[in-house]
């Protein structure tokens, strides 16, 4: 493999890692929002 090939693979891995981090963060926010809404609804 040439250094250019290795760089391309690293860029793809980095892109994939960023997408996974964003998806995980969005899931955490969604779970937090749903939990918060349930707690608020329970207090009324």
N, C-alpha and C. Protein backbone atom coordinates (compact mmCIF):
# COMPACT_ATOMS: atom_id res chain seq x y z
N UNK A 1 0.85 -1.19 0.00
CA UNK A 1 0.00 0.00 0.00
C UNK A 1 0.89 1.25 0.00
N UNK A 2 0.47 2.20 -0.76
CA UNK A 2 1.22 3.45 -0.82
C UNK A 2 0.77 4.36 0.32
N UNK A 3 1.59 5.33 0.66
CA UNK A 3 1.18 6.29 1.70
C UNK A 3 -0.14 7.00 1.37
N UNK A 4 -0.39 7.22 0.08
CA UNK A 4 -1.66 7.85 -0.33
C UNK A 4 -2.84 6.96 0.02
N UNK A 5 -2.69 5.65 -0.20
CA UNK A 5 -3.76 4.70 0.15
C UNK A 5 -4.01 4.71 1.65
N UNK A 6 -2.94 4.71 2.43
CA UNK A 6 -3.08 4.72 3.89
C UNK A 6 -3.76 6.00 4.36
N UNK A 7 -3.42 7.11 3.75
CA UNK A 7 -4.05 8.39 4.12
C UNK A 7 -5.54 8.37 3.80
N UNK A 8 -5.90 7.80 2.66
CA UNK A 8 -7.31 7.71 2.27
C UNK A 8 -8.08 6.84 3.27
N UNK A 9 -7.48 5.72 3.68
CA UNK A 9 -8.12 4.84 4.66
C UNK A 9 -8.29 5.57 5.99
N UNK A 10 -7.27 6.31 6.43
CA UNK A 10 -7.37 7.06 7.68
C UNK A 10 -8.48 8.12 7.61
N UNK A 11 -8.59 8.79 6.47
CA UNK A 11 -9.64 9.81 6.31
C UNK A 11 -11.03 9.17 6.40
N UNK A 12 -11.20 8.00 5.78
CA UNK A 12 -12.48 7.30 5.83
C UNK A 12 -12.80 6.86 7.26
N UNK A 13 -11.78 6.35 7.97
CA UNK A 13 -11.99 5.92 9.35
C UNK A 13 -12.37 7.11 10.23
N UNK A 14 -11.72 8.25 10.00
CA UNK A 14 -12.02 9.45 10.78
C UNK A 14 -13.44 9.93 10.50
N UNK A 15 -13.83 9.92 9.23
CA UNK A 15 -15.18 10.33 8.87
C UNK A 15 -16.21 9.42 9.52
N UNK A 16 -15.96 8.12 9.48
CA UNK A 16 -16.87 7.15 10.08
C UNK A 16 -16.96 7.36 11.60
N UNK A 17 -15.83 7.62 12.23
CA UNK A 17 -15.81 7.85 13.67
C UNK A 17 -16.61 9.11 14.04
N UNK A 18 -16.49 10.15 13.24
CA UNK A 18 -17.24 11.39 13.49
C UNK A 18 -18.73 11.14 13.35
N UNK A 19 -19.14 10.42 12.32
CA UNK A 19 -20.55 10.11 12.12
C UNK A 19 -21.08 9.28 13.29
N UNK A 20 -20.33 8.29 13.72
CA UNK A 20 -20.77 7.45 14.84
C UNK A 20 -20.88 8.28 16.13
N UNK A 21 -19.94 9.18 16.35
CA UNK A 21 -19.99 10.04 17.54
C UNK A 21 -21.22 10.94 17.51
N UNK A 22 -21.53 11.50 16.36
CA UNK A 22 -22.71 12.35 16.22
C UNK A 22 -24.00 11.56 16.46
N UNK A 23 -24.06 10.35 15.90
CA UNK A 23 -25.24 9.52 16.09
C UNK A 23 -25.40 9.13 17.56
N UNK A 24 -24.31 8.78 18.21
CA UNK A 24 -24.36 8.43 19.62
C UNK A 24 -24.80 9.62 20.46
N UNK A 25 -24.26 10.79 20.16
CA UNK A 25 -24.65 12.01 20.87
C UNK A 25 -26.12 12.32 20.68
N UNK A 26 -26.61 12.16 19.46
CA UNK A 26 -28.03 12.42 19.18
C UNK A 26 -28.91 11.44 19.95
N UNK A 27 -28.47 10.19 20.04
CA UNK A 27 -29.24 9.19 20.77
C UNK A 27 -29.30 9.53 22.26
N UNK A 28 -28.18 9.97 22.81
CA UNK A 28 -28.14 10.35 24.23
C UNK A 28 -29.09 11.52 24.48
N UNK A 29 -29.06 12.52 23.61
CA UNK A 29 -29.94 13.68 23.75
C UNK A 29 -31.40 13.24 23.65
N UNK A 30 -31.71 12.36 22.72
CA UNK A 30 -33.08 11.88 22.55
C UNK A 30 -33.55 11.14 23.80
N UNK A 31 -32.73 10.25 24.32
CA UNK A 31 -33.10 9.50 25.54
C UNK A 31 -33.29 10.46 26.71
N UNK A 32 -32.41 11.43 26.83
CA UNK A 32 -32.53 12.42 27.90
C UNK A 32 -33.84 13.20 27.77
N UNK A 33 -34.17 13.63 26.56
CA UNK A 33 -35.39 14.41 26.33
C UNK A 33 -36.64 13.59 26.65
N UNK A 34 -36.66 12.33 26.24
CA UNK A 34 -37.81 11.47 26.51
C UNK A 34 -37.93 11.24 28.02
N UNK A 35 -36.83 10.96 28.67
CA UNK A 35 -36.86 10.75 30.13
C UNK A 35 -37.34 11.99 30.85
N UNK A 36 -36.86 13.14 30.46
CA UNK A 36 -37.24 14.41 31.08
C UNK A 36 -38.73 14.67 30.89
N UNK A 37 -39.22 14.39 29.69
CA UNK A 37 -40.64 14.58 29.41
C UNK A 37 -41.50 13.65 30.27
N UNK A 38 -41.07 12.41 30.45
CA UNK A 38 -41.81 11.46 31.28
C UNK A 38 -41.83 11.93 32.73
N UNK A 39 -40.69 12.41 33.22
CA UNK A 39 -40.61 12.87 34.60
C UNK A 39 -41.52 14.08 34.79
N UNK A 40 -41.47 15.02 33.85
CA UNK A 40 -42.34 16.21 33.94
C UNK A 40 -43.82 15.81 33.91
N UNK A 41 -44.18 14.87 33.06
CA UNK A 41 -45.58 14.45 32.94
C UNK A 41 -46.04 13.75 34.22
N UNK A 42 -45.13 13.08 34.90
CA UNK A 42 -45.48 12.38 36.12
C UNK A 42 -45.76 13.28 37.29
N UNK A 43 -45.24 14.48 37.28
CA UNK A 43 -45.39 15.42 38.40
C UNK A 43 -46.67 16.24 38.33
N UNK A 44 -47.42 16.15 37.23
CA UNK A 44 -48.65 16.96 37.10
C UNK A 44 -49.82 16.31 37.76
